Amino acid sequence: MAKNPRYWSEKSETLSPEEYREVQNKAFLREFKYICDNSLFYKEKYGALGLETGDIKKLDDLKKLPFTTKLELRNSLQACPPLGKHIATSIDKVVRIYSTSGTSGTPTYIGLTRHDLDVWRECCTRGLWATGMRPHHIIPEVVGTFFVGAAYGDAIENLGAAHVPIGIGATDRLITAIQKLGANFMNVTTSFALYFIDACQQRGVNTRSLNIKGFMVGGEPGGGIPHIRNRIEEAFGASVQEVMGNGDMIACIWAECEQKKGMHFIAQGMCYPEIIDPDTHEVMEVREGIEGELVYTSLNRECQPLIRFRTGDHVIVTQTSCECGRTGYGIRCIGRMDDMLIVSGVNIYPLAVKEIVSSFIPRVTGEILIQLDEPPPSVKPPMKIKVELGEYPGEQQELKKAIDASLREKLIFRADVRFVPMGSLPKYEYKSRLVEKAYEKK
């Protein structure tokens, strides 16, 4: 258990810049040699480029190495099932296999050795602690056991809290468990938290009566959007803090503290993050306000270690220091690169559209659905957006003009907002879908 009540691993989470560099550098050199000795994928990849282990002498040399892509991992899995050419240990050492959710394509399978499980458990526990989870909490788990999010169950138990596996699609069972067991902390996707508000209302359950004190939300961007966070917090009288990981790397890599100014990097010694310009692929210096794509390198992985893995996550750095004392810089995820739409040359993320529309709550519910008449990413203006009306929308034509104007001013594109009745847009228990491929229905 943590000695300082503010941190799970104070030494790791409060490293000075010099200490951080030393820890990451030592771990990288050890891991890089292990990968080059054991991973057929990287032996072939680097061999084709004439790269040798001796060419990489320090962490700064990482930029000399090529990126690893999701397509390469899929091809690796197909060429050498069950866990691909990028496996770096005997299959006999694998004790658990997860699947990614496959939201951006075919699911990929992630193998973990007992050592890998220990690393994931430690990192996830740091994240849970940062978001306010403590040993006295009782936490119902609604994440499916096949997805990497289920790894949080190990961390909940490691932290000393009570873990109650519920599973997806069991809302009535969940409500009963909360009421009977006194469950008081939730680990869910942002979509599920919003879905759960509506589910309780439909069943005549007062959300405040459930006495939930905290929500740790993740699995998708959105938990850090003020209007979404406020809706969940006001409904339950609970604090909402966000986490983020990556299925191919570690289930939890970033976690938001009580200051709620962005998710801190909390995987010191376990992975190394880079932020690159998605167009030039140059590594960007970490400073407040920069935006780019997250790239990860394994620092302590046995089964499927990855070097410079492009995640497709577009992030913005929100802070480089924090009152909580954690020295890992903070980020917020804007969206996934493969979700990006282009309107008249302007890059638009569906989540950014949702954030602006959500600023009109309670006149709208905040639920949206972008309709595409042609395959993405290019969208002919105006972009068609279904927006769900709130309980008291007021004059709808004036509201439409206000939302259209706000989207044009802040995101620099022309929209055509079309209102739909409250409750008519689909709600999701796992991850939200903000885009409708209308062209597939023609």
Protein backbone atom coordinates (compact mmCIF):
# COMPACT_ATOMS: atom_id res chain seq x y z
CA MET A 1 0.00 0.00 0.00
CA ALA A 2 1.13 3.57 -0.66
CA LYS A 3 3.12 5.22 2.16
CA ASN A 4 2.21 8.74 1.07
CA PRO A 5 -1.60 8.89 0.82
CA ARG A 6 -1.34 10.97 -2.35
CA TYR A 7 0.56 8.38 -4.45
CA TRP A 8 0.65 4.65 -4.97
CA SER A 9 4.33 4.76 -6.00
CA GLU A 10 5.71 8.09 -4.81
CA LYS A 11 9.27 7.44 -5.96
CA SER A 12 8.26 6.63 -9.54
CA GLU A 13 5.52 9.23 -9.88
CA THR A 14 7.61 12.16 -8.57
CA LEU A 15 10.91 11.58 -10.39
CA SER A 16 12.89 14.69 -11.24
CA PRO A 17 13.61 15.22 -14.97
CA GLU A 18 17.15 13.88 -14.48
CA GLU A 19 15.96 10.81 -12.55
CA TYR A 20 13.21 10.17 -15.09
CA ARG A 21 15.72 10.23 -17.95
CA GLU A 22 18.03 7.83 -16.13
CA VAL A 23 15.26 5.37 -15.28
CA GLN A 24 13.85 5.41 -18.82
CA ASN A 25 17.29 5.18 -20.45
CA LYS A 26 18.41 2.13 -18.43
CA ALA A 27 15.12 0.35 -18.99
CA PHE A 28 15.17 1.09 -22.72
CA LEU A 29 18.68 -0.25 -23.33
CA ARG A 30 17.88 -3.43 -21.42
CA GLU A 31 14.60 -3.91 -23.27
CA PHE A 32 16.04 -3.07 -26.68
CA LYS A 33 18.68 -5.80 -26.38
CA TYR A 34 16.03 -8.27 -25.22
CA ILE A 35 13.81 -7.43 -28.20
CA CYS A 36 16.60 -7.70 -30.74
CA ASP A 37 17.61 -11.08 -29.29
CA ASN A 38 14.12 -12.57 -29.07
CA SER A 39 11.63 -10.95 -31.46
CA LEU A 40 11.59 -12.39 -34.99
CA PHE A 41 9.51 -9.41 -36.10
CA TYR A 42 12.16 -6.88 -35.12
CA LYS A 43 15.06 -9.07 -36.23
CA GLU A 44 13.57 -9.08 -39.73
CA LYS A 45 12.50 -5.43 -39.61
CA TYR A 46 15.86 -4.08 -38.49
CA GLY A 47 17.86 -6.60 -40.49
CA ALA A 48 16.24 -5.37 -43.70
CA LEU A 49 17.39 -1.85 -42.80
CA GLY A 50 20.91 -2.90 -41.78
CA LEU A 51 20.33 -1.79 -38.18
CA GLU A 52 22.27 -3.52 -35.40
CA THR A 53 21.90 -3.48 -31.63
CA GLY A 54 25.14 -1.57 -31.26
CA ASP A 55 23.78 1.31 -33.33
CA ILE A 56 21.47 2.27 -30.46
CA LYS A 57 23.42 3.43 -27.40
CA LYS A 58 20.97 5.69 -25.58
CA LEU A 59 17.33 6.69 -25.42
CA ASP A 60 17.95 9.65 -27.70
CA ASP A 61 18.88 7.17 -30.45
CA LEU A 62 15.29 5.92 -30.45
CA LYS A 63 14.44 8.44 -33.18
CA LYS A 64 16.78 6.53 -35.52
CA LEU A 65 14.42 3.57 -35.44
CA PRO A 66 11.37 3.19 -37.71
CA PHE A 67 7.84 3.22 -36.37
CA THR A 68 5.74 0.12 -35.78
CA THR A 69 2.18 0.29 -37.12
CA LYS A 70 -1.08 -1.45 -36.30
CA LEU A 71 -1.15 -2.91 -39.81
CA GLU A 72 2.24 -4.51 -39.19
CA LEU A 73 0.91 -6.12 -36.02
CA ARG A 74 -2.13 -7.48 -37.84
CA ASN A 75 0.08 -8.87 -40.59
CA SER A 76 2.39 -10.35 -37.96
CA LEU A 77 -0.51 -12.11 -36.24
CA GLN A 78 -1.81 -13.44 -39.53
CA ALA A 79 1.60 -14.71 -40.62
CA CYS A 80 2.44 -16.41 -37.35
CA PRO A 81 -0.62 -17.24 -35.21
CA PRO A 82 -1.58 -17.16 -32.44
CA LEU A 83 0.48 -14.21 -31.15
CA GLY A 84 2.48 -13.11 -34.16
CA LYS A 85 6.11 -12.73 -35.12
CA HIS A 86 6.44 -9.98 -32.53
CA ILE A 87 6.16 -12.45 -29.65
CA ALA A 88 9.49 -12.44 -27.82
CA THR A 89 9.07 -15.38 -25.47
CA SER A 90 7.88 -18.96 -25.53
CA ILE A 91 4.13 -19.38 -25.87
CA ASP A 92 4.38 -21.66 -22.83
CA LYS A 93 5.14 -18.59 -20.68
CA VAL A 94 1.90 -16.84 -21.70
CA VAL A 95 -0.65 -16.95 -18.89
CA ARG A 96 -3.32 -14.57 -20.23
CA ILE A 97 -4.56 -13.40 -23.64
CA TYR A 98 -6.70 -10.32 -24.23
CA SER A 99 -8.24 -8.85 -27.36
CA THR A 100 -8.43 -5.23 -28.42
CA SER A 101 -11.98 -4.02 -29.02
CA GLY A 102 -11.41 -3.81 -32.79
CA THR A 103 -13.04 -0.38 -33.06
CA SER A 104 -10.48 0.65 -35.70
CA GLY A 105 -10.40 -2.66 -37.58
CA THR A 106 -9.77 -6.34 -36.93
CA PRO A 107 -9.11 -7.10 -33.25
CA THR A 108 -5.55 -7.96 -32.29
CA TYR A 109 -4.59 -10.43 -29.58
CA ILE A 110 -2.38 -9.46 -26.67
CA GLY A 111 -0.44 -12.07 -24.72
CA LEU A 112 0.90 -11.52 -21.23
CA THR A 113 3.40 -13.54 -19.21
CA ARG A 114 3.24 -13.59 -15.44
CA HIS A 115 5.90 -10.86 -15.44
CA ASP A 116 3.84 -8.76 -17.88
CA LEU A 117 0.78 -9.15 -15.66
CA ASP A 118 2.78 -7.86 -12.70
CA VAL A 119 3.87 -4.81 -14.71
CA TRP A 120 0.32 -4.09 -15.89
CA ARG A 121 -1.04 -4.54 -12.37
CA GLU A 122 1.45 -2.06 -10.92
CA CYS A 123 0.82 0.55 -13.60
CA CYS A 124 -2.96 0.23 -13.40
CA THR A 125 -2.82 0.49 -9.62
CA ARG A 126 -0.94 3.78 -9.90
CA GLY A 127 -3.73 5.02 -12.16
CA LEU A 128 -6.54 3.86 -9.87
CA TRP A 129 -4.90 5.52 -6.88
CA ALA A 130 -4.40 8.80 -8.76
CA THR A 131 -8.12 8.93 -9.57
CA GLY A 132 -9.09 8.57 -5.92
CA MET A 133 -9.74 4.84 -5.54
CA ARG A 134 -8.83 3.52 -2.08
CA PRO A 135 -8.94 0.20 -0.17
CA HIS A 136 -12.30 1.02 1.45
CA HIS A 137 -14.05 1.27 -1.91
CA ILE A 138 -16.29 -1.40 -3.42
CA ILE A 139 -16.04 -1.36 -7.22
CA PRO A 140 -18.44 -3.08 -9.63
CA GLU A 141 -16.59 -4.02 -12.84
CA VAL A 142 -18.70 -3.74 -16.00
CA VAL A 143 -15.90 -4.07 -18.57
CA GLY A 144 -15.99 -7.27 -20.65
CA THR A 145 -13.42 -9.84 -19.54
CA PHE A 146 -12.08 -10.37 -23.08
CA PHE A 147 -10.89 -6.77 -23.46
CA VAL A 148 -7.78 -5.29 -21.87
CA GLY A 149 -9.91 -3.02 -19.69
CA ALA A 150 -10.62 -6.11 -17.59
CA ALA A 151 -7.01 -5.87 -16.39
CA TYR A 152 -8.20 -3.16 -14.01
CA GLY A 153 -9.79 -5.92 -11.95
CA ASP A 154 -6.32 -7.18 -10.97
CA ALA A 155 -5.33 -3.64 -9.98
CA ILE A 156 -8.48 -3.11 -7.91
CA GLU A 157 -7.61 -6.19 -5.87
CA ASN A 158 -3.93 -5.21 -5.72
CA LEU A 159 -4.94 -1.83 -4.30
CA GLY A 160 -6.92 -3.61 -1.58
CA ALA A 161 -10.39 -2.57 -2.68
CA ALA A 162 -13.32 -4.96 -3.21
CA HIS A 163 -13.72 -6.04 -6.83
CA VAL A 164 -17.22 -7.04 -7.96
CA PRO A 165 -17.20 -8.51 -11.51
CA ILE A 166 -20.53 -7.69 -13.18
CA GLY A 167 -19.94 -7.63 -16.95
CA ILE A 168 -21.54 -5.74 -19.83
CA GLY A 169 -25.28 -5.85 -20.49
CA ALA A 170 -26.38 -6.43 -16.90
CA THR A 171 -27.70 -3.04 -15.84
CA ASP A 172 -30.36 -4.35 -13.44
CA ARG A 173 -27.82 -6.64 -11.80
CA LEU A 174 -25.43 -3.69 -11.50
CA ILE A 175 -28.00 -1.47 -9.81
CA THR A 176 -28.93 -4.24 -7.38
CA ALA A 177 -25.27 -4.91 -6.59
CA ILE A 178 -24.65 -1.22 -5.88
CA GLN A 179 -27.66 -1.01 -3.60
CA LYS A 180 -27.12 -4.29 -1.73
CA LEU A 181 -23.33 -4.16 -1.42
CA GLY A 182 -22.93 -0.43 -0.91
CA ALA A 183 -20.69 -0.19 -3.96
CA ASN A 184 -19.27 3.32 -4.06
CA PHE A 185 -16.78 3.69 -6.92
CA MET A 186 -17.15 2.96 -10.65
CA ASN A 187 -14.60 1.97 -13.29
CA VAL A 188 -16.38 2.42 -16.64
CA THR A 189 -16.19 3.96 -20.08
CA THR A 190 -17.47 7.51 -20.41
CA SER A 191 -20.28 6.19 -22.61
CA PHE A 192 -21.37 3.78 -19.91
CA ALA A 193 -21.48 6.52 -17.27
CA LEU A 194 -23.81 8.57 -19.50
CA TYR A 195 -25.83 5.48 -20.41
CA PHE A 196 -26.16 4.61 -16.71
CA ILE A 197 -27.72 8.00 -15.94
CA ASP A 198 -30.49 7.33 -18.45
CA ALA A 199 -30.84 3.69 -17.35
CA CYS A 200 -31.41 4.74 -13.74
CA GLN A 201 -33.95 7.40 -14.73
CA GLN A 202 -35.87 4.86 -16.82
CA ARG A 203 -36.05 2.55 -13.81
CA GLY A 204 -37.09 5.28 -11.39
CA VAL A 205 -33.78 5.07 -9.51
CA ASN A 206 -32.44 8.31 -8.04
CA THR A 207 -28.79 8.37 -9.12
CA ARG A 208 -27.79 10.29 -6.00
CA SER A 209 -29.34 7.60 -3.79
CA LEU A 210 -26.72 5.13 -5.06
CA ASN A 211 -24.04 7.00 -3.07
CA ILE A 212 -21.31 6.52 -5.67
CA LYS A 213 -18.35 8.70 -4.67
CA GLY A 214 -16.09 8.41 -7.69
CA PHE A 215 -15.96 7.51 -11.37
CA MET A 216 -12.76 6.47 -13.11
CA VAL A 217 -13.62 6.73 -16.80
CA GLY A 218 -11.56 5.57 -19.77
CA GLY A 219 -11.54 3.33 -22.82
CA GLU A 220 -12.41 6.25 -25.10
CA PRO A 221 -11.85 10.01 -25.23
CA GLY A 222 -14.44 12.31 -23.69
CA GLY A 223 -14.25 12.00 -19.93
CA GLY A 224 -12.28 15.22 -19.70
CA ILE A 225 -14.80 17.32 -21.63
CA PRO A 226 -16.15 19.76 -18.99
CA HIS A 227 -19.82 19.45 -19.92
CA ILE A 228 -19.69 15.66 -19.99
CA ARG A 229 -17.77 15.51 -16.72
CA ASN A 230 -20.21 17.95 -15.11
CA ARG A 231 -23.24 15.94 -16.20
CA ILE A 232 -21.91 12.76 -14.60
CA GLU A 233 -20.74 14.54 -11.45
CA GLU A 234 -24.02 16.38 -10.97
CA ALA A 235 -26.10 13.26 -11.58
CA PHE A 236 -24.30 11.14 -8.99
CA GLY A 237 -22.68 13.71 -6.70
CA ALA A 238 -19.37 12.00 -7.50
CA SER A 239 -15.92 13.03 -8.71
CA VAL A 240 -15.07 12.03 -12.29
CA GLN A 241 -11.44 11.48 -13.29
CA GLU A 242 -10.07 10.12 -16.54
CA VAL A 243 -7.51 7.44 -17.45
CA MET A 244 -6.06 6.21 -20.72
CA GLY A 245 -3.96 3.28 -21.86
CA ASN A 246 -3.34 1.29 -24.98
CA GLY A 247 -4.29 -2.33 -25.48
CA ASP A 248 -1.09 -3.21 -27.31
CA MET A 249 1.10 -1.52 -24.70
CA ILE A 250 -0.36 -1.27 -21.16
CA ALA A 251 -3.98 -0.99 -20.03
CA CYS A 252 -3.28 2.21 -18.06
CA ILE A 253 -0.53 4.68 -18.92
CA TRP A 254 -2.12 8.04 -18.04
CA ALA A 255 -4.31 9.00 -15.09
CA GLU A 256 -5.93 12.20 -13.90
CA CYS A 257 -5.35 13.40 -10.35
CA GLU A 258 -7.74 15.41 -8.18
CA GLN A 259 -6.71 18.64 -9.94
CA LYS A 260 -8.45 17.40 -13.13
CA LYS A 261 -6.16 19.29 -15.50
CA GLY A 262 -5.28 16.35 -17.72
CA MET A 263 -4.02 12.79 -17.36
CA HIS A 264 -0.52 12.37 -15.91
CA PHE A 265 2.00 9.95 -17.39
CA ILE A 266 2.30 7.30 -14.67
CA ALA A 267 4.11 4.42 -16.45
CA GLN A 268 7.67 5.41 -15.54
CA GLY A 269 10.02 2.47 -16.11
CA MET A 270 7.34 0.56 -18.04
CA CYS A 271 6.98 2.41 -21.33
CA TYR A 272 8.34 5.49 -23.06
CA PRO A 273 5.97 7.95 -24.75
CA GLU A 274 6.80 10.23 -27.65
CA ILE A 275 4.55 12.80 -29.28
CA ILE A 276 5.16 13.18 -33.00
CA ASP A 277 3.92 15.53 -35.68
CA PRO A 278 1.58 13.21 -37.64
CA ASP A 279 2.59 14.83 -40.94
CA THR A 280 6.36 15.22 -40.62
CA HIS A 281 6.80 12.36 -38.09
CA GLU A 282 9.25 14.53 -36.17
CA VAL A 283 9.38 14.12 -32.38
CA MET A 284 7.92 17.19 -30.68
CA GLU A 285 9.34 18.77 -27.56
CA VAL A 286 6.92 18.31 -24.67
CA ARG A 287 5.47 21.64 -23.62
CA GLU A 288 2.03 22.88 -22.73
CA GLY A 289 -0.27 23.24 -25.72
CA ILE A 290 1.50 21.03 -28.26
CA GLU A 291 -0.63 18.55 -30.21
CA GLY A 292 0.41 15.37 -31.96
CA GLU A 293 0.20 11.60 -32.18
CA LEU A 294 1.23 9.37 -29.28
CA VAL A 295 3.97 6.82 -29.93
CA TYR A 296 4.96 4.17 -27.36
CA THR A 297 8.03 2.01 -26.76
CA SER A 298 8.00 -0.93 -24.34
CA LEU A 299 10.46 -0.75 -21.48
CA ASN A 300 9.52 -3.84 -19.46
CA ARG A 301 7.58 -6.36 -21.55
CA GLU A 302 8.30 -10.04 -22.18
CA CYS A 303 5.63 -11.34 -24.54
CA GLN A 304 4.94 -8.76 -27.27
CA PRO A 305 7.24 -5.76 -26.74
CA LEU A 306 6.87 -2.94 -29.26
CA ILE A 307 9.23 -0.21 -30.38
CA ARG A 308 7.89 3.16 -31.51
CA PHE A 309 4.33 1.93 -31.88
CA ARG A 310 2.08 4.53 -33.50
CA THR A 311 -1.13 4.54 -31.51
CA GLY A 312 -3.23 6.82 -33.71
CA ASP A 313 -4.22 8.78 -30.57
CA HIS A 314 -4.17 12.54 -31.15
CA VAL A 315 -3.37 14.30 -27.88
CA ILE A 316 -2.70 17.76 -26.51
CA VAL A 317 -0.32 18.44 -23.61
CA THR A 318 -2.32 20.17 -20.88
CA GLN A 319 0.37 20.63 -18.22
CA THR A 320 4.02 19.99 -17.44
CA SER A 321 3.72 20.54 -13.68
CA CYS A 322 0.94 20.01 -11.16
CA GLU A 323 -0.02 20.90 -7.60
CA CYS A 324 -0.35 17.17 -6.83
CA GLY A 325 3.43 16.73 -7.11
CA ARG A 326 3.38 14.18 -9.92
CA THR A 327 6.08 15.02 -12.45
CA GLY A 328 4.63 13.07 -15.37
CA TYR A 329 3.26 15.62 -17.83
CA GLY A 330 -0.47 15.74 -18.49
CA ILE A 331 -2.41 15.14 -21.69
CA ARG A 332 -5.93 15.02 -22.98
CA CYS A 333 -6.91 12.84 -25.95
CA ILE A 334 -8.64 14.81 -28.70
CA GLY A 335 -9.54 11.76 -30.77
CA ARG A 336 -8.16 9.00 -32.93
CA MET A 337 -6.32 9.85 -36.12
CA ASP A 338 -8.45 7.38 -38.09
CA ASP A 339 -11.63 9.13 -36.87
CA MET A 340 -10.50 12.48 -38.27
CA LEU A 341 -12.68 14.11 -40.91
CA ILE A 342 -11.57 16.79 -43.37
CA VAL A 343 -13.98 19.60 -44.24
CA SER A 344 -12.71 22.11 -46.82
CA GLY A 345 -9.15 21.31 -45.83
CA VAL A 346 -9.79 21.62 -42.08
CA ASN A 347 -9.14 18.61 -39.82
CA ILE A 348 -12.15 17.89 -37.60
CA TYR A 349 -12.44 15.31 -34.82
CA PRO A 350 -15.96 14.08 -33.98
CA LEU A 351 -15.18 14.45 -30.28
CA ALA A 352 -14.43 18.16 -30.79
CA VAL A 353 -17.85 18.55 -32.41
CA LYS A 354 -19.47 16.78 -29.45
CA GLU A 355 -17.62 19.05 -27.01
CA ILE A 356 -18.95 22.21 -28.63
CA VAL A 357 -22.51 20.88 -28.93
CA SER A 358 -22.34 19.77 -25.28
CA SER A 359 -21.68 23.38 -24.26
CA PHE A 360 -25.37 24.01 -25.07
CA ILE A 361 -26.59 21.61 -22.36
CA PRO A 362 -29.37 21.65 -21.05
CA ARG A 363 -30.97 22.93 -24.27
CA VAL A 364 -29.52 19.80 -25.88
CA THR A 365 -28.51 16.50 -24.27
CA GLY A 366 -25.01 16.58 -25.77
CA GLU A 367 -25.62 13.47 -27.88
CA ILE A 368 -24.68 13.85 -31.57
CA LEU A 369 -24.40 11.74 -34.69
CA ILE A 370 -22.44 12.99 -37.70
CA GLN A 371 -23.93 11.75 -40.97
CA LEU A 372 -21.53 10.97 -43.80
CA ASP A 373 -22.94 10.83 -47.33
CA GLU A 374 -19.61 9.65 -48.77
CA PRO A 375 -16.71 7.57 -47.41
CA PRO A 376 -14.37 9.54 -45.10
CA PRO A 377 -12.18 11.38 -44.47
CA SER A 378 -13.31 14.13 -46.88
CA VAL A 379 -16.70 15.66 -46.12
CA LYS A 380 -18.46 18.14 -48.39
CA PRO A 381 -19.74 21.13 -46.42
CA PRO A 382 -22.02 21.61 -44.71
CA MET A 383 -21.40 18.65 -42.40
CA LYS A 384 -24.72 17.08 -41.42
CA ILE A 385 -25.01 16.62 -37.66
CA LYS A 386 -27.94 15.14 -35.78
CA VAL A 387 -28.25 16.80 -32.37
CA GLU A 388 -30.51 15.48 -29.63
CA LEU A 389 -32.75 18.12 -28.08
CA GLY A 390 -32.83 18.58 -24.32
CA GLU A 391 -35.89 18.81 -22.12
CA TYR A 392 -36.09 22.62 -22.45
CA PRO A 393 -34.59 23.50 -25.85
CA GLY A 394 -36.29 26.86 -26.26
CA GLU A 395 -36.71 28.32 -29.75
CA GLN A 396 -35.18 25.73 -32.06
CA GLN A 397 -34.30 27.92 -35.03
CA GLU A 398 -32.36 30.28 -32.78
CA LEU A 399 -30.66 27.30 -31.14
CA LYS A 400 -29.67 25.86 -34.52
CA LYS A 401 -28.13 29.18 -35.58
CA ALA A 402 -26.21 29.41 -32.30
CA ILE A 403 -24.75 25.90 -32.61
CA ASP A 404 -23.92 26.37 -36.30
CA ALA A 405 -22.16 29.65 -35.47
CA SER A 406 -20.20 28.15 -32.59
CA LEU A 407 -18.97 25.26 -34.75
CA ARG A 408 -17.98 27.68 -37.50
CA GLU A 409 -16.17 30.00 -35.10
CA LYS A 410 -14.29 27.37 -33.06
CA LEU A 411 -13.68 24.57 -35.56
CA ILE A 412 -13.76 26.64 -38.79
CA PHE A 413 -16.22 24.55 -40.77
CA ARG A 414 -19.80 24.89 -41.97
CA ALA A 415 -22.37 22.64 -40.31
CA ASP A 416 -26.00 21.74 -40.87
CA VAL A 417 -27.45 20.89 -37.48
CA ARG A 418 -30.59 18.77 -37.56
CA PHE A 419 -32.46 18.28 -34.29
CA VAL A 420 -33.91 14.94 -33.23
CA PRO A 421 -36.12 14.22 -30.18
CA MET A 422 -34.56 13.63 -26.77
CA GLY A 423 -33.69 9.97 -26.28
CA SER A 424 -33.83 9.09 -29.99
CA LEU A 425 -30.09 8.72 -30.67
CA PRO A 426 -28.54 5.37 -29.76
CA LYS A 427 -26.85 5.00 -26.37
CA TYR A 428 -23.86 2.73 -25.89
CA GLU A 429 -22.70 0.78 -22.85
CA TYR A 430 -19.12 0.37 -24.08
CA LYS A 431 -17.85 2.99 -26.52
CA SER A 432 -19.74 5.77 -28.27
CA ARG A 433 -20.13 5.97 -32.01
CA LEU A 434 -20.31 9.53 -33.19
CA VAL A 435 -20.37 8.92 -36.95
CA GLU A 436 -23.10 7.33 -39.06
CA LYS A 437 -22.08 6.00 -42.49
CA ALA A 438 -25.28 7.03 -44.24
CA TYR A 439 -23.73 6.24 -47.64
CA GLU A 440 -23.80 2.52 -46.77
CA LYS A 441 -27.61 2.66 -46.46
CA LYS A 442 -28.20 4.15 -49.92
